[in-house]
mmCIF file of all heavy atoms, coordinates in Angstrom:
data_MODEL
# 
_entry.id   MODEL 
# 
loop_
_atom_site.group_PDB 
_atom_site.id 
_atom_site.type_symbol 
_atom_site.label_atom_id 
_atom_site.label_alt_id 
_atom_site.label_comp_id 
_atom_site.label_asym_id 
_atom_site.label_entity_id 
_atom_site.label_seq_id 
_atom_site.pdbx_PDB_ins_code 
_atom_site.Cartn_x 
_atom_site.Cartn_y 
_atom_site.Cartn_z 
_atom_site.occupancy 
_atom_site.B_iso_or_equiv 
_atom_site.pdbx_formal_charge 
_atom_site.auth_seq_id 
_atom_site.auth_comp_id 
_atom_site.auth_asym_id 
_atom_site.auth_atom_id 
_atom_site.pdbx_PDB_model_num 
ATOM 1   N N   . GLU A 1 1  ? -14.998 -1.900 -11.708 1.00 0.00 ? 1  GLU A N   1 
ATOM 2   C CA  . GLU A 1 1  ? -14.345 -0.881 -10.871 1.00 0.00 ? 1  GLU A CA  1 
ATOM 3   C C   . GLU A 1 1  ? -13.252 -0.003 -11.551 1.00 0.00 ? 1  GLU A C   1 
ATOM 4   O O   . GLU A 1 1  ? -13.110 1.130  -11.264 1.00 0.00 ? 1  GLU A O   1 
ATOM 5   C CB  . GLU A 1 1  ? -13.886 -1.490 -9.687  1.00 0.00 ? 1  GLU A CB  1 
ATOM 6   C CG  . GLU A 1 1  ? -13.414 -0.548 -8.524  1.00 0.00 ? 1  GLU A CG  1 
ATOM 7   C CD  . GLU A 1 1  ? -12.810 -1.352 -7.333  1.00 0.00 ? 1  GLU A CD  1 
ATOM 8   O OE1 . GLU A 1 1  ? -12.989 -2.699 -7.377  1.00 0.00 ? 1  GLU A OE1 1 
ATOM 9   O OE2 . GLU A 1 1  ? -12.327 -0.707 -6.389  1.00 0.00 ? 1  GLU A OE2 1 
ATOM 10  N N   . TYR A 1 2  ? -12.592 -0.657 -12.402 1.00 0.00 ? 2  TYR A N   1 
ATOM 11  C CA  . TYR A 1 2  ? -11.452 0.026  -13.137 1.00 0.00 ? 2  TYR A CA  1 
ATOM 12  C C   . TYR A 1 2  ? -11.851 0.204  -14.561 1.00 0.00 ? 2  TYR A C   1 
ATOM 13  O O   . TYR A 1 2  ? -10.972 -0.028 -15.446 1.00 0.00 ? 2  TYR A O   1 
ATOM 14  C CB  . TYR A 1 2  ? -10.211 -0.684 -12.955 1.00 0.00 ? 2  TYR A CB  1 
ATOM 15  C CG  . TYR A 1 2  ? -9.886  -1.192 -11.484 1.00 0.00 ? 2  TYR A CG  1 
ATOM 16  C CD1 . TYR A 1 2  ? -10.051 -2.410 -11.074 1.00 0.00 ? 2  TYR A CD1 1 
ATOM 17  C CD2 . TYR A 1 2  ? -9.472  -0.233 -10.586 1.00 0.00 ? 2  TYR A CD2 1 
ATOM 18  C CE1 . TYR A 1 2  ? -9.848  -2.748 -9.803  1.00 0.00 ? 2  TYR A CE1 1 
ATOM 19  C CE2 . TYR A 1 2  ? -9.379  -0.533 -9.190  1.00 0.00 ? 2  TYR A CE2 1 
ATOM 20  C CZ  . TYR A 1 2  ? -9.392  -1.799 -8.883  1.00 0.00 ? 2  TYR A CZ  1 
ATOM 21  O OH  . TYR A 1 2  ? -9.243  -2.201 -7.554  1.00 0.00 ? 2  TYR A OH  1 
ATOM 22  N N   . GLY A 1 3  ? -13.071 0.469  -14.922 1.00 0.00 ? 3  GLY A N   1 
ATOM 23  C CA  . GLY A 1 3  ? -13.498 0.271  -16.283 1.00 0.00 ? 3  GLY A CA  1 
ATOM 24  C C   . GLY A 1 3  ? -12.883 1.372  -17.384 1.00 0.00 ? 3  GLY A C   1 
ATOM 25  O O   . GLY A 1 3  ? -12.922 1.094  -18.460 1.00 0.00 ? 3  GLY A O   1 
ATOM 26  N N   . ARG A 1 4  ? -12.448 2.367  -16.785 1.00 0.00 ? 4  ARG A N   1 
ATOM 27  C CA  . ARG A 1 4  ? -11.831 3.395  -17.765 1.00 0.00 ? 4  ARG A CA  1 
ATOM 28  C C   . ARG A 1 4  ? -10.390 2.850  -18.356 1.00 0.00 ? 4  ARG A C   1 
ATOM 29  O O   . ARG A 1 4  ? -9.941  3.600  -19.168 1.00 0.00 ? 4  ARG A O   1 
ATOM 30  C CB  . ARG A 1 4  ? -11.677 4.689  -16.969 1.00 0.00 ? 4  ARG A CB  1 
ATOM 31  C CG  . ARG A 1 4  ? -10.558 4.753  -16.104 1.00 0.00 ? 4  ARG A CG  1 
ATOM 32  C CD  . ARG A 1 4  ? -10.300 6.194  -15.406 1.00 0.00 ? 4  ARG A CD  1 
ATOM 33  N NE  . ARG A 1 4  ? -11.437 6.409  -14.494 1.00 0.00 ? 4  ARG A NE  1 
ATOM 34  C CZ  . ARG A 1 4  ? -11.608 7.564  -13.857 1.00 0.00 ? 4  ARG A CZ  1 
ATOM 35  N NH1 . ARG A 1 4  ? -10.779 8.600  -14.006 1.00 0.00 ? 4  ARG A NH1 1 
ATOM 36  N NH2 . ARG A 1 4  ? -12.575 7.714  -13.014 1.00 0.00 ? 4  ARG A NH2 1 
ATOM 37  N N   . PHE A 1 5  ? -9.780  2.020  -17.774 1.00 0.00 ? 5  PHE A N   1 
ATOM 38  C CA  . PHE A 1 5  ? -8.563  1.497  -18.258 1.00 0.00 ? 5  PHE A CA  1 
ATOM 39  C C   . PHE A 1 5  ? -8.679  0.155  -18.997 1.00 0.00 ? 5  PHE A C   1 
ATOM 40  O O   . PHE A 1 5  ? -9.219  -0.771 -18.476 1.00 0.00 ? 5  PHE A O   1 
ATOM 41  C CB  . PHE A 1 5  ? -7.697  1.266  -17.027 1.00 0.00 ? 5  PHE A CB  1 
ATOM 42  C CG  . PHE A 1 5  ? -7.303  2.507  -16.216 1.00 0.00 ? 5  PHE A CG  1 
ATOM 43  C CD1 . PHE A 1 5  ? -8.046  2.653  -15.057 1.00 0.00 ? 5  PHE A CD1 1 
ATOM 44  C CD2 . PHE A 1 5  ? -6.613  3.598  -16.787 1.00 0.00 ? 5  PHE A CD2 1 
ATOM 45  C CE1 . PHE A 1 5  ? -7.842  3.968  -14.262 1.00 0.00 ? 5  PHE A CE1 1 
ATOM 46  C CE2 . PHE A 1 5  ? -6.354  4.784  -16.066 1.00 0.00 ? 5  PHE A CE2 1 
ATOM 47  C CZ  . PHE A 1 5  ? -6.953  4.912  -14.786 1.00 0.00 ? 5  PHE A CZ  1 
ATOM 48  N N   . ILE A 1 6  ? -8.163  0.218  -20.212 1.00 0.00 ? 6  ILE A N   1 
ATOM 49  C CA  . ILE A 1 6  ? -8.351  -1.011 -21.090 1.00 0.00 ? 6  ILE A CA  1 
ATOM 50  C C   . ILE A 1 6  ? -6.905  -1.849 -21.129 1.00 0.00 ? 6  ILE A C   1 
ATOM 51  O O   . ILE A 1 6  ? -6.888  -2.852 -21.801 1.00 0.00 ? 6  ILE A O   1 
ATOM 52  C CB  . ILE A 1 6  ? -8.701  -0.635 -22.583 1.00 0.00 ? 6  ILE A CB  1 
ATOM 53  C CG1 . ILE A 1 6  ? -7.598  0.381  -23.046 1.00 0.00 ? 6  ILE A CG1 1 
ATOM 54  C CG2 . ILE A 1 6  ? -9.956  0.037  -22.537 1.00 0.00 ? 6  ILE A CG2 1 
ATOM 55  C CD1 . ILE A 1 6  ? -7.814  0.640  -24.532 1.00 0.00 ? 6  ILE A CD1 1 
ATOM 56  N N   . GLY A 1 7  ? -5.998  -1.458 -20.296 1.00 0.00 ? 7  GLY A N   1 
ATOM 57  C CA  . GLY A 1 7  ? -4.722  -2.218 -20.271 1.00 0.00 ? 7  GLY A CA  1 
ATOM 58  C C   . GLY A 1 7  ? -4.811  -3.088 -18.783 1.00 0.00 ? 7  GLY A C   1 
ATOM 59  O O   . GLY A 1 7  ? -5.905  -3.628 -18.461 1.00 0.00 ? 7  GLY A O   1 
ATOM 60  N N   . GLY A 1 8  ? -3.856  -2.924 -18.066 1.00 0.00 ? 8  GLY A N   1 
ATOM 61  C CA  . GLY A 1 8  ? -3.743  -3.585 -16.709 1.00 0.00 ? 8  GLY A CA  1 
ATOM 62  C C   . GLY A 1 8  ? -4.013  -2.515 -15.622 1.00 0.00 ? 8  GLY A C   1 
ATOM 63  O O   . GLY A 1 8  ? -4.065  -1.411 -15.869 1.00 0.00 ? 8  GLY A O   1 
ATOM 64  N N   . VAL A 1 9  ? -4.093  -3.074 -14.493 1.00 0.00 ? 9  VAL A N   1 
ATOM 65  C CA  . VAL A 1 9  ? -4.382  -2.294 -13.251 1.00 0.00 ? 9  VAL A CA  1 
ATOM 66  C C   . VAL A 1 9  ? -3.384  -2.626 -12.173 1.00 0.00 ? 9  VAL A C   1 
ATOM 67  O O   . VAL A 1 9  ? -3.126  -3.832 -11.914 1.00 0.00 ? 9  VAL A O   1 
ATOM 68  C CB  . VAL A 1 9  ? -5.828  -2.347 -12.678 1.00 0.00 ? 9  VAL A CB  1 
ATOM 69  C CG1 . VAL A 1 9  ? -5.870  -1.720 -11.299 1.00 0.00 ? 9  VAL A CG1 1 
ATOM 70  C CG2 . VAL A 1 9  ? -6.762  -1.759 -13.641 1.00 0.00 ? 9  VAL A CG2 1 
ATOM 71  N N   . VAL A 1 10 ? -2.576  -1.608 -11.626 1.00 0.00 ? 10 VAL A N   1 
ATOM 72  C CA  . VAL A 1 10 ? -1.641  -1.780 -10.546 1.00 0.00 ? 10 VAL A CA  1 
ATOM 73  C C   . VAL A 1 10 ? -2.349  -1.307 -9.217  1.00 0.00 ? 10 VAL A C   1 
ATOM 74  O O   . VAL A 1 10 ? -2.493  -0.058 -9.187  1.00 0.00 ? 10 VAL A O   1 
ATOM 75  C CB  . VAL A 1 10 ? -0.332  -1.197 -10.711 1.00 0.00 ? 10 VAL A CB  1 
ATOM 76  C CG1 . VAL A 1 10 ? 0.592   -1.342 -9.573  1.00 0.00 ? 10 VAL A CG1 1 
ATOM 77  C CG2 . VAL A 1 10 ? 0.289   -1.779 -12.073 1.00 0.00 ? 10 VAL A CG2 1 
ATOM 78  N N   . ASN A 1 11 ? -2.769  -2.145 -8.333  1.00 0.00 ? 11 ASN A N   1 
ATOM 79  C CA  . ASN A 1 11 ? -3.551  -1.812 -7.141  1.00 0.00 ? 11 ASN A CA  1 
ATOM 80  C C   . ASN A 1 11 ? -2.626  -1.950 -6.078  1.00 0.00 ? 11 ASN A C   1 
ATOM 81  O O   . ASN A 1 11 ? -2.301  -3.070 -5.554  1.00 0.00 ? 11 ASN A O   1 
ATOM 82  C CB  . ASN A 1 11 ? -4.772  -2.741 -7.139  1.00 0.00 ? 11 ASN A CB  1 
ATOM 83  C CG  . ASN A 1 11 ? -5.747  -2.114 -6.151  1.00 0.00 ? 11 ASN A CG  1 
ATOM 84  O OD1 . ASN A 1 11 ? -5.855  -0.934 -5.718  1.00 0.00 ? 11 ASN A OD1 1 
ATOM 85  N ND2 . ASN A 1 11 ? -6.668  -3.021 -5.594  1.00 0.00 ? 11 ASN A ND2 1 
ATOM 86  N N   . LEU A 1 12 ? -2.353  -0.773 -5.305  1.00 0.00 ? 12 LEU A N   1 
ATOM 87  C CA  . LEU A 1 12 ? -1.494  -0.731 -4.104  1.00 0.00 ? 12 LEU A CA  1 
ATOM 88  C C   . LEU A 1 12 ? -2.306  -0.722 -2.871  1.00 0.00 ? 12 LEU A C   1 
ATOM 89  O O   . LEU A 1 12 ? -3.316  -0.027 -2.756  1.00 0.00 ? 12 LEU A O   1 
ATOM 90  C CB  . LEU A 1 12 ? -0.538  0.475  -4.185  1.00 0.00 ? 12 LEU A CB  1 
ATOM 91  C CG  . LEU A 1 12 ? 0.327   0.485  -5.410  1.00 0.00 ? 12 LEU A CG  1 
ATOM 92  C CD1 . LEU A 1 12 ? 1.073   1.957  -5.411  1.00 0.00 ? 12 LEU A CD1 1 
ATOM 93  C CD2 . LEU A 1 12 ? 1.240   -0.598 -5.737  1.00 0.00 ? 12 LEU A CD2 1 
ATOM 94  N N   . VAL A 1 13 ? -1.898  -1.413 -1.877  1.00 0.00 ? 13 VAL A N   1 
ATOM 95  C CA  . VAL A 1 13 ? -2.449  -1.376 -0.533  1.00 0.00 ? 13 VAL A CA  1 
ATOM 96  C C   . VAL A 1 13 ? -1.439  -0.941 0.436   1.00 0.00 ? 13 VAL A C   1 
ATOM 97  O O   . VAL A 1 13 ? -0.386  -1.483 0.494   1.00 0.00 ? 13 VAL A O   1 
ATOM 98  C CB  . VAL A 1 13 ? -3.140  -2.723 -0.038  1.00 0.00 ? 13 VAL A CB  1 
ATOM 99  C CG1 . VAL A 1 13 ? -3.688  -2.520 1.227   1.00 0.00 ? 13 VAL A CG1 1 
ATOM 100 C CG2 . VAL A 1 13 ? -4.133  -3.133 -1.151  1.00 0.00 ? 13 VAL A CG2 1 
ATOM 101 N N   . SER A 1 14 ? -1.717  0.137  1.222   1.00 0.00 ? 14 SER A N   1 
ATOM 102 C CA  . SER A 1 14 ? -0.804  0.629  2.245   1.00 0.00 ? 14 SER A CA  1 
ATOM 103 C C   . SER A 1 14 ? -0.669  -0.187 3.540   1.00 0.00 ? 14 SER A C   1 
ATOM 104 O O   . SER A 1 14 ? -1.601  -0.903 3.814   1.00 0.00 ? 14 SER A O   1 
ATOM 105 C CB  . SER A 1 14 ? -0.975  2.093  2.549   1.00 0.00 ? 14 SER A CB  1 
ATOM 106 O OG  . SER A 1 14 ? -2.110  2.276  3.376   1.00 0.00 ? 14 SER A OG  1 
ATOM 107 N N   . LYS A 1 15 ? 0.313   0.044  4.296   1.00 0.00 ? 15 LYS A N   1 
ATOM 108 C CA  . LYS A 1 15 ? 0.316   -0.383 5.569   1.00 0.00 ? 15 LYS A CA  1 
ATOM 109 C C   . LYS A 1 15 ? -0.542  0.330  6.502   1.00 0.00 ? 15 LYS A C   1 
ATOM 110 O O   . LYS A 1 15 ? -0.845  1.349  6.284   1.00 0.00 ? 15 LYS A O   1 
ATOM 111 C CB  . LYS A 1 15 ? 1.813   -0.244 6.151   1.00 0.00 ? 15 LYS A CB  1 
ATOM 112 C CG  . LYS A 1 15 ? 2.858   -1.069 5.316   1.00 0.00 ? 15 LYS A CG  1 
ATOM 113 C CD  . LYS A 1 15 ? 4.316   -0.799 5.823   1.00 0.00 ? 15 LYS A CD  1 
ATOM 114 C CE  . LYS A 1 15 ? 5.295   -1.613 5.048   1.00 0.00 ? 15 LYS A CE  1 
ATOM 115 N NZ  . LYS A 1 15 ? 6.644   -1.403 5.477   1.00 0.00 ? 15 LYS A NZ  1 
ATOM 116 N N   . SER A 1 16 ? -0.888  -0.423 7.733   1.00 0.00 ? 16 SER A N   1 
ATOM 117 C CA  . SER A 1 16 ? -1.839  0.156  8.593   1.00 0.00 ? 16 SER A CA  1 
ATOM 118 C C   . SER A 1 16 ? -1.399  -0.147 10.085  1.00 0.00 ? 16 SER A C   1 
ATOM 119 O O   . SER A 1 16 ? -0.552  -1.159 10.220  1.00 0.00 ? 16 SER A O   1 
ATOM 120 C CB  . SER A 1 16 ? -3.384  -0.296 8.454   1.00 0.00 ? 16 SER A CB  1 
ATOM 121 O OG  . SER A 1 16 ? -3.812  -0.020 7.141   1.00 0.00 ? 16 SER A OG  1 
ATOM 122 N N   . GLY A 1 17 ? -1.792  0.520  11.035  1.00 0.00 ? 17 GLY A N   1 
ATOM 123 C CA  . GLY A 1 17 ? -1.422  0.164  12.431  1.00 0.00 ? 17 GLY A CA  1 
ATOM 124 C C   . GLY A 1 17 ? -2.288  -0.896 13.066  1.00 0.00 ? 17 GLY A C   1 
ATOM 125 O O   . GLY A 1 17 ? -3.325  -1.359 12.359  1.00 0.00 ? 17 GLY A O   1 
ATOM 126 N N   . ASP A 1 18 ? -1.782  -1.423 14.086  1.00 0.00 ? 18 ASP A N   1 
ATOM 127 C CA  . ASP A 1 18 ? -2.519  -2.432 14.677  1.00 0.00 ? 18 ASP A CA  1 
ATOM 128 C C   . ASP A 1 18 ? -2.390  -2.276 16.344  1.00 0.00 ? 18 ASP A C   1 
ATOM 129 O O   . ASP A 1 18 ? -1.994  -1.141 16.736  1.00 0.00 ? 18 ASP A O   1 
ATOM 130 C CB  . ASP A 1 18 ? -2.094  -3.919 14.344  1.00 0.00 ? 18 ASP A CB  1 
ATOM 131 C CG  . ASP A 1 18 ? -0.634  -4.123 14.537  1.00 0.00 ? 18 ASP A CG  1 
ATOM 132 O OD1 . ASP A 1 18 ? 0.039   -3.486 15.413  1.00 0.00 ? 18 ASP A OD1 1 
ATOM 133 O OD2 . ASP A 1 18 ? -0.027  -4.950 13.904  1.00 0.00 ? 18 ASP A OD2 1 
ATOM 134 N N   . ASN A 1 19 ? -2.787  -3.230 17.118  1.00 0.00 ? 19 ASN A N   1 
ATOM 135 C CA  . ASN A 1 19 ? -2.739  -2.970 18.538  1.00 0.00 ? 19 ASN A CA  1 
ATOM 136 C C   . ASN A 1 19 ? -1.353  -2.862 19.206  1.00 0.00 ? 19 ASN A C   1 
ATOM 137 O O   . ASN A 1 19 ? -1.171  -2.462 20.245  1.00 0.00 ? 19 ASN A O   1 
ATOM 138 C CB  . ASN A 1 19 ? -3.510  -4.131 19.284  1.00 0.00 ? 19 ASN A CB  1 
ATOM 139 C CG  . ASN A 1 19 ? -5.050  -3.918 19.161  1.00 0.00 ? 19 ASN A CG  1 
ATOM 140 O OD1 . ASN A 1 19 ? -5.508  -2.804 19.196  1.00 0.00 ? 19 ASN A OD1 1 
ATOM 141 N ND2 . ASN A 1 19 ? -5.814  -4.990 19.162  1.00 0.00 ? 19 ASN A ND2 1 
ATOM 142 N N   . GLU A 1 20 ? -0.324  -3.316 18.427  1.00 0.00 ? 20 GLU A N   1 
ATOM 143 C CA  . GLU A 1 20 ? 1.036   -3.292 18.986  1.00 0.00 ? 20 GLU A CA  1 
ATOM 144 C C   . GLU A 1 20 ? 1.694   -2.082 18.323  1.00 0.00 ? 20 GLU A C   1 
ATOM 145 O O   . GLU A 1 20 ? 1.761   -1.938 17.195  1.00 0.00 ? 20 GLU A O   1 
ATOM 146 C CB  . GLU A 1 20 ? 1.779   -4.501 18.714  1.00 0.00 ? 20 GLU A CB  1 
ATOM 147 C CG  . GLU A 1 20 ? 3.158   -4.492 19.206  1.00 0.00 ? 20 GLU A CG  1 
ATOM 148 C CD  . GLU A 1 20 ? 3.856   -5.844 18.849  1.00 0.00 ? 20 GLU A CD  1 
ATOM 149 O OE1 . GLU A 1 20 ? 3.220   -6.752 18.329  1.00 0.00 ? 20 GLU A OE1 1 
ATOM 150 O OE2 . GLU A 1 20 ? 5.033   -5.920 19.160  1.00 0.00 ? 20 GLU A OE2 1 
ATOM 151 N N   . TRP A 1 21 ? 2.282   -1.247 19.251  1.00 0.00 ? 21 TRP A N   1 
ATOM 152 C CA  . TRP A 1 21 ? 3.054   -0.030 18.661  1.00 0.00 ? 21 TRP A CA  1 
ATOM 153 C C   . TRP A 1 21 ? 4.340   -0.453 18.253  1.00 0.00 ? 21 TRP A C   1 
ATOM 154 O O   . TRP A 1 21 ? 5.126   -1.197 18.960  1.00 0.00 ? 21 TRP A O   1 
ATOM 155 C CB  . TRP A 1 21 ? 3.194   1.086  19.784  1.00 0.00 ? 21 TRP A CB  1 
ATOM 156 C CG  . TRP A 1 21 ? 2.034   1.845  19.846  1.00 0.00 ? 21 TRP A CG  1 
ATOM 157 C CD1 . TRP A 1 21 ? 0.961   1.735  20.907  1.00 0.00 ? 21 TRP A CD1 1 
ATOM 158 C CD2 . TRP A 1 21 ? 1.699   3.075  19.108  1.00 0.00 ? 21 TRP A CD2 1 
ATOM 159 N NE1 . TRP A 1 21 ? 0.135   2.826  20.529  1.00 0.00 ? 21 TRP A NE1 1 
ATOM 160 C CE2 . TRP A 1 21 ? 0.621   3.608  19.646  1.00 0.00 ? 21 TRP A CE2 1 
ATOM 161 C CE3 . TRP A 1 21 ? 2.464   3.746  18.093  1.00 0.00 ? 21 TRP A CE3 1 
ATOM 162 C CZ2 . TRP A 1 21 ? -0.043  4.686  18.919  1.00 0.00 ? 21 TRP A CZ2 1 
ATOM 163 C CZ3 . TRP A 1 21 ? 1.921   4.879  17.502  1.00 0.00 ? 21 TRP A CZ3 1 
ATOM 164 C CH2 . TRP A 1 21 ? 0.744   5.396  17.985  1.00 0.00 ? 21 TRP A CH2 1 
ATOM 165 N N   . THR A 1 22 ? 4.736   -0.055 17.002  1.00 0.00 ? 22 THR A N   1 
ATOM 166 C CA  . THR A 1 22 ? 6.001   -0.410 16.468  1.00 0.00 ? 22 THR A CA  1 
ATOM 167 C C   . THR A 1 22 ? 6.697   0.792  15.815  1.00 0.00 ? 22 THR A C   1 
ATOM 168 O O   . THR A 1 22 ? 5.981   1.709  15.412  1.00 0.00 ? 22 THR A O   1 
ATOM 169 C CB  . THR A 1 22 ? 5.927   -1.444 15.309  1.00 0.00 ? 22 THR A CB  1 
ATOM 170 O OG1 . THR A 1 22 ? 5.065   -0.968 14.348  1.00 0.00 ? 22 THR A OG1 1 
ATOM 171 C CG2 . THR A 1 22 ? 5.386   -2.823 15.894  1.00 0.00 ? 22 THR A CG2 1 
ATOM 172 N N   . PHE A 1 23 ? 8.098   0.829  15.842  1.00 0.00 ? 23 PHE A N   1 
ATOM 173 C CA  . PHE A 1 23 ? 8.734   2.137  15.294  1.00 0.00 ? 23 PHE A CA  1 
ATOM 174 C C   . PHE A 1 23 ? 9.951   1.433  14.541  1.00 0.00 ? 23 PHE A C   1 
ATOM 175 O O   . PHE A 1 23 ? 10.501  0.317  14.853  1.00 0.00 ? 23 PHE A O   1 
ATOM 176 C CB  . PHE A 1 23 ? 9.337   2.875  16.499  1.00 0.00 ? 23 PHE A CB  1 
ATOM 177 C CG  . PHE A 1 23 ? 8.192   3.414  17.425  1.00 0.00 ? 23 PHE A CG  1 
ATOM 178 C CD1 . PHE A 1 23 ? 7.883   2.560  18.554  1.00 0.00 ? 23 PHE A CD1 1 
ATOM 179 C CD2 . PHE A 1 23 ? 7.604   4.618  17.234  1.00 0.00 ? 23 PHE A CD2 1 
ATOM 180 C CE1 . PHE A 1 23 ? 6.903   3.116  19.458  1.00 0.00 ? 23 PHE A CE1 1 
ATOM 181 C CE2 . PHE A 1 23 ? 6.723   5.055  18.053  1.00 0.00 ? 23 PHE A CE2 1 
ATOM 182 C CZ  . PHE A 1 23 ? 6.273   4.454  19.197  1.00 0.00 ? 23 PHE A CZ  1 
ATOM 183 N N   . GLY A 1 24 ? 10.303  2.198  13.473  1.00 0.00 ? 24 GLY A N   1 
ATOM 184 C CA  . GLY A 1 24 ? 11.404  1.803  12.672  1.00 0.00 ? 24 GLY A CA  1 
ATOM 185 C C   . GLY A 1 24 ? 12.030  2.807  11.926  1.00 0.00 ? 24 GLY A C   1 
ATOM 186 O O   . GLY A 1 24 ? 11.668  3.961  11.735  1.00 0.00 ? 24 GLY A O   1 
ATOM 187 N N   . ALA A 1 25 ? 13.307  2.592  11.468  1.00 0.00 ? 25 ALA A N   1 
ATOM 188 C CA  . ALA A 1 25 ? 14.213  3.538  10.615  1.00 0.00 ? 25 ALA A CA  1 
ATOM 189 C C   . ALA A 1 25 ? 14.991  2.779  9.700   1.00 0.00 ? 25 ALA A C   1 
ATOM 190 O O   . ALA A 1 25 ? 15.501  1.662  9.970   1.00 0.00 ? 25 ALA A O   1 
ATOM 191 C CB  . ALA A 1 25 ? 14.943  4.409  11.523  1.00 0.00 ? 25 ALA A CB  1 
ATOM 192 N N   . LYS A 1 26 ? 15.264  3.449  8.588   1.00 0.00 ? 26 LYS A N   1 
ATOM 193 C CA  . LYS A 1 26 ? 15.946  2.874  7.477   1.00 0.00 ? 26 LYS A CA  1 
ATOM 194 C C   . LYS A 1 26 ? 16.678  3.965  6.752   1.00 0.00 ? 26 LYS A C   1 
ATOM 195 O O   . LYS A 1 26 ? 16.123  4.962  6.422   1.00 0.00 ? 26 LYS A O   1 
ATOM 196 C CB  . LYS A 1 26 ? 15.159  1.951  6.500   1.00 0.00 ? 26 LYS A CB  1 
ATOM 197 C CG  . LYS A 1 26 ? 16.034  1.277  5.482   1.00 0.00 ? 26 LYS A CG  1 
ATOM 198 C CD  . LYS A 1 26 ? 15.073  0.276  4.703   1.00 0.00 ? 26 LYS A CD  1 
ATOM 199 C CE  . LYS A 1 26 ? 14.159  0.933  3.802   1.00 0.00 ? 26 LYS A CE  1 
ATOM 200 N NZ  . LYS A 1 26 ? 13.535  0.004  2.850   1.00 0.00 ? 26 LYS A NZ  1 
ATOM 201 N N   . ALA A 1 27 ? 18.005  3.762  6.472   1.00 0.00 ? 27 ALA A N   1 
ATOM 202 C CA  . ALA A 1 27 ? 18.684  4.630  5.594   1.00 0.00 ? 27 ALA A CA  1 
ATOM 203 C C   . ALA A 1 27 ? 19.474  4.063  4.401   1.00 0.00 ? 27 ALA A C   1 
ATOM 204 O O   . ALA A 1 27 ? 20.060  2.869  4.645   1.00 0.00 ? 27 ALA A O   1 
ATOM 205 C CB  . ALA A 1 27 ? 19.818  5.481  6.475   1.00 0.00 ? 27 ALA A CB  1 
ATOM 206 N N   . GLU A 1 28 ? 19.312  4.639  3.261   1.00 0.00 ? 28 GLU A N   1 
ATOM 207 C CA  . GLU A 1 28 ? 19.959  4.084  2.139   1.00 0.00 ? 28 GLU A CA  1 
ATOM 208 C C   . GLU A 1 28 ? 20.849  5.107  1.556   1.00 0.00 ? 28 GLU A C   1 
ATOM 209 O O   . GLU A 1 28 ? 20.342  6.299  1.144   1.00 0.00 ? 28 GLU A O   1 
ATOM 210 C CB  . GLU A 1 28 ? 18.991  3.639  1.078   1.00 0.00 ? 28 GLU A CB  1 
ATOM 211 C CG  . GLU A 1 28 ? 18.000  2.401  1.616   1.00 0.00 ? 28 GLU A CG  1 
ATOM 212 C CD  . GLU A 1 28 ? 17.060  1.839  0.491   1.00 0.00 ? 28 GLU A CD  1 
ATOM 213 O OE1 . GLU A 1 28 ? 17.344  2.091  -0.673  1.00 0.00 ? 28 GLU A OE1 1 
ATOM 214 O OE2 . GLU A 1 28 ? 16.090  1.391  0.985   1.00 0.00 ? 28 GLU A OE2 1 
# 
């Protein structure tokens, strides 16, 4: 699936919603 890369692969998966609504905030 990642055949073009001969080193390593970093595979990220994002967050998704579910049946419960949630809200948040963060400041740095």
